[in-house]
Amino acid sequence: MLSEGAAWAKGANPWGCGANVDHPHKSHQNHRAVNVHADLKCSTGKVPRFSIHVTLYRSRWWGWEKIGKTGYVSGHNKYKARAVANWEPHGACHHYKAVGEFMIAGGSKKITSTVFNYNKEKIEGKGELCVK
């Protein structure tokens, strides 16, 4: 099940895998942090090899600035996997963008996908997300 407004990309691959990046949001576990999840879900079989990188960016007057630690996970023979990126803004308000880079592979097949998403406030044209 996808979270409301999640960005989802699913293509033709033997494992029925899709890539999902949710909205950057205030963390439910660390209320001083913004975080984002990048999920790989396969419906018809375990993917032989995979990797996920997820990166968080904040809005600045000159454009998007990479922030925090990039989330990364890789592995073998899984139906699903998750990488998480987060950052503590120390009370600053920003719009946020998340970029998930996914790779699945098996045999001679290697498939990559990039999925973007933004905080709901940016999408809805509202004020910036403030996390204190």
Protein backbone atom coordinates (compact mmCIF):
# COMPACT_ATOMS: atom_id res chain seq x y z
CA MET A 1 0.00 0.00 0.00
CA LEU A 2 1.33 3.43 -0.94
CA SER A 3 1.17 6.45 1.31
CA GLU A 4 -1.06 9.29 0.15
CA GLY A 5 0.63 11.21 -2.64
CA ALA A 6 3.64 8.92 -2.90
CA ALA A 7 5.59 9.03 -6.14
CA TRP A 8 5.50 5.55 -7.70
CA ALA A 9 7.26 4.15 -10.75
CA LYS A 10 6.65 0.63 -11.99
CA GLY A 11 7.94 -0.79 -15.22
CA ALA A 12 8.08 -4.06 -17.07
CA ASN A 13 10.47 -6.34 -15.24
CA PRO A 14 10.39 -10.06 -14.45
CA TRP A 15 10.00 -9.49 -10.70
CA GLY A 16 7.11 -6.99 -10.83
CA CYS A 17 9.19 -4.43 -8.93
CA GLY A 18 8.16 -0.85 -8.38
CA ALA A 19 9.91 2.13 -6.79
CA ASN A 20 8.26 4.49 -4.30
CA VAL A 21 9.44 7.73 -2.67
CA ASP A 22 7.09 9.26 -0.11
CA HIS A 23 6.75 12.95 0.77
CA PRO A 24 9.59 14.40 2.87
CA HIS A 25 7.90 14.86 6.26
CA LYS A 26 8.46 15.46 9.95
CA SER A 27 9.82 12.24 11.43
CA HIS A 28 7.45 10.23 13.61
CA GLN A 29 10.39 8.97 15.72
CA ASN A 30 12.65 12.05 15.95
CA HIS A 31 10.45 15.16 16.01
CA ARG A 32 13.47 17.39 15.29
CA ALA A 33 14.13 15.72 11.93
CA VAL A 34 12.75 15.68 8.41
CA ASN A 35 12.90 12.28 6.76
CA VAL A 36 11.91 10.42 3.63
CA HIS A 37 11.55 6.74 2.72
CA ALA A 38 12.44 5.11 -0.58
CA ASP A 39 10.82 1.70 -1.00
CA LEU A 40 11.33 -1.11 -3.48
CA LYS A 41 8.46 -3.61 -3.70
CA CYS A 42 8.34 -6.65 -5.98
CA SER A 43 5.07 -8.49 -6.54
CA THR A 44 5.92 -11.55 -8.63
CA GLY A 45 9.31 -12.70 -7.33
CA LYS A 46 12.39 -11.92 -5.31
CA VAL A 47 14.73 -9.60 -7.18
CA PRO A 48 18.22 -11.19 -7.45
CA ARG A 49 20.15 -7.92 -6.78
CA PHE A 50 19.07 -4.40 -5.84
CA SER A 51 20.27 -1.08 -4.49
CA ILE A 52 18.49 2.07 -3.31
CA HIS A 53 19.97 5.54 -2.72
CA VAL A 54 17.70 8.27 -1.35
CA THR A 55 18.83 11.88 -0.99
CA LEU A 56 17.13 14.83 0.68
CA TYR A 57 17.39 18.44 -0.57
CA ARG A 58 16.17 21.74 0.89
CA SER A 59 15.06 24.85 -0.94
CA ARG A 60 17.47 27.77 -1.02
CA TRP A 61 17.32 31.08 -2.88
CA TRP A 62 19.73 29.69 -5.51
CA GLY A 63 18.05 26.31 -5.93
CA TRP A 64 18.18 22.93 -4.20
CA GLU A 65 20.89 22.10 -1.63
CA LYS A 66 21.76 18.49 -0.72
CA ILE A 67 21.38 17.97 3.02
CA GLY A 68 21.81 15.24 5.60
CA LYS A 69 23.06 11.75 5.05
CA THR A 70 22.06 9.85 1.92
CA GLY A 71 20.14 6.68 2.75
CA TYR A 72 21.51 3.52 1.13
CA VAL A 73 20.64 -0.14 1.13
CA SER A 74 21.55 -3.02 -1.17
CA GLY A 75 21.05 -6.74 -1.12
CA HIS A 76 20.02 -9.97 -2.79
CA ASN A 77 16.86 -12.06 -3.17
CA LYS A 78 14.28 -9.77 -1.53
CA TYR A 79 10.65 -8.89 -2.22
CA LYS A 80 11.00 -5.47 -0.59
CA ALA A 81 13.57 -3.05 0.81
CA ARG A 82 13.68 0.47 2.27
CA ALA A 83 16.28 3.23 2.50
CA VAL A 84 15.78 6.30 4.69
CA ALA A 85 17.35 9.77 4.54
CA ASN A 86 16.93 12.38 7.26
CA TRP A 87 18.16 15.75 8.47
CA GLU A 88 17.65 17.99 11.50
CA PRO A 89 16.92 21.58 10.33
CA HIS A 90 17.31 23.13 13.84
CA GLY A 91 14.09 25.14 13.54
CA ALA A 92 14.58 26.36 9.96
CA CYS A 93 11.69 26.25 7.50
CA HIS A 94 12.18 24.98 3.96
CA HIS A 95 10.56 23.12 1.12
CA TYR A 96 12.09 19.66 0.63
CA LYS A 97 12.74 17.44 -2.35
CA ALA A 98 13.61 13.74 -2.19
CA VAL A 99 15.33 11.81 -4.96
CA GLY A 100 15.37 8.01 -4.93
CA GLU A 101 17.71 6.11 -7.27
CA PHE A 102 16.83 2.45 -7.70
CA MET A 103 18.66 -0.43 -9.39
CA ILE A 104 17.40 -3.98 -9.85
CA ALA A 105 19.30 -6.72 -11.65
CA GLY A 106 19.24 -10.40 -12.41
CA GLY A 107 21.02 -12.43 -15.06
CA SER A 108 21.86 -10.11 -17.95
CA LYS A 109 19.09 -7.64 -17.02
CA LYS A 110 19.86 -4.40 -15.15
CA ILE A 111 17.16 -1.75 -14.71
CA THR A 112 17.52 1.68 -13.11
CA SER A 113 14.91 4.26 -12.16
CA THR A 114 14.92 7.69 -10.51
CA VAL A 115 11.85 8.83 -8.56
CA PHE A 116 11.31 12.35 -7.16
CA ASN A 117 8.88 13.71 -4.59
CA TYR A 118 8.34 16.93 -2.61
CA ASN A 119 6.89 17.84 0.78
CA LYS A 120 3.09 18.24 0.63
CA GLU A 121 3.26 21.96 1.46
CA LYS A 122 5.29 22.61 -1.72
CA ILE A 123 2.95 20.55 -3.90
CA GLU A 124 -0.11 22.29 -2.45
CA GLY A 125 1.44 25.79 -2.78
CA LYS A 126 1.40 26.38 0.98
CA GLY A 127 4.10 27.68 3.34
CA GLU A 128 7.33 25.84 3.98
CA LEU A 129 7.64 22.82 6.28
CA CYS A 130 8.92 23.93 9.71
CA VAL A 131 10.50 21.35 12.02
CA LYS A 132 11.69 22.59 15.42
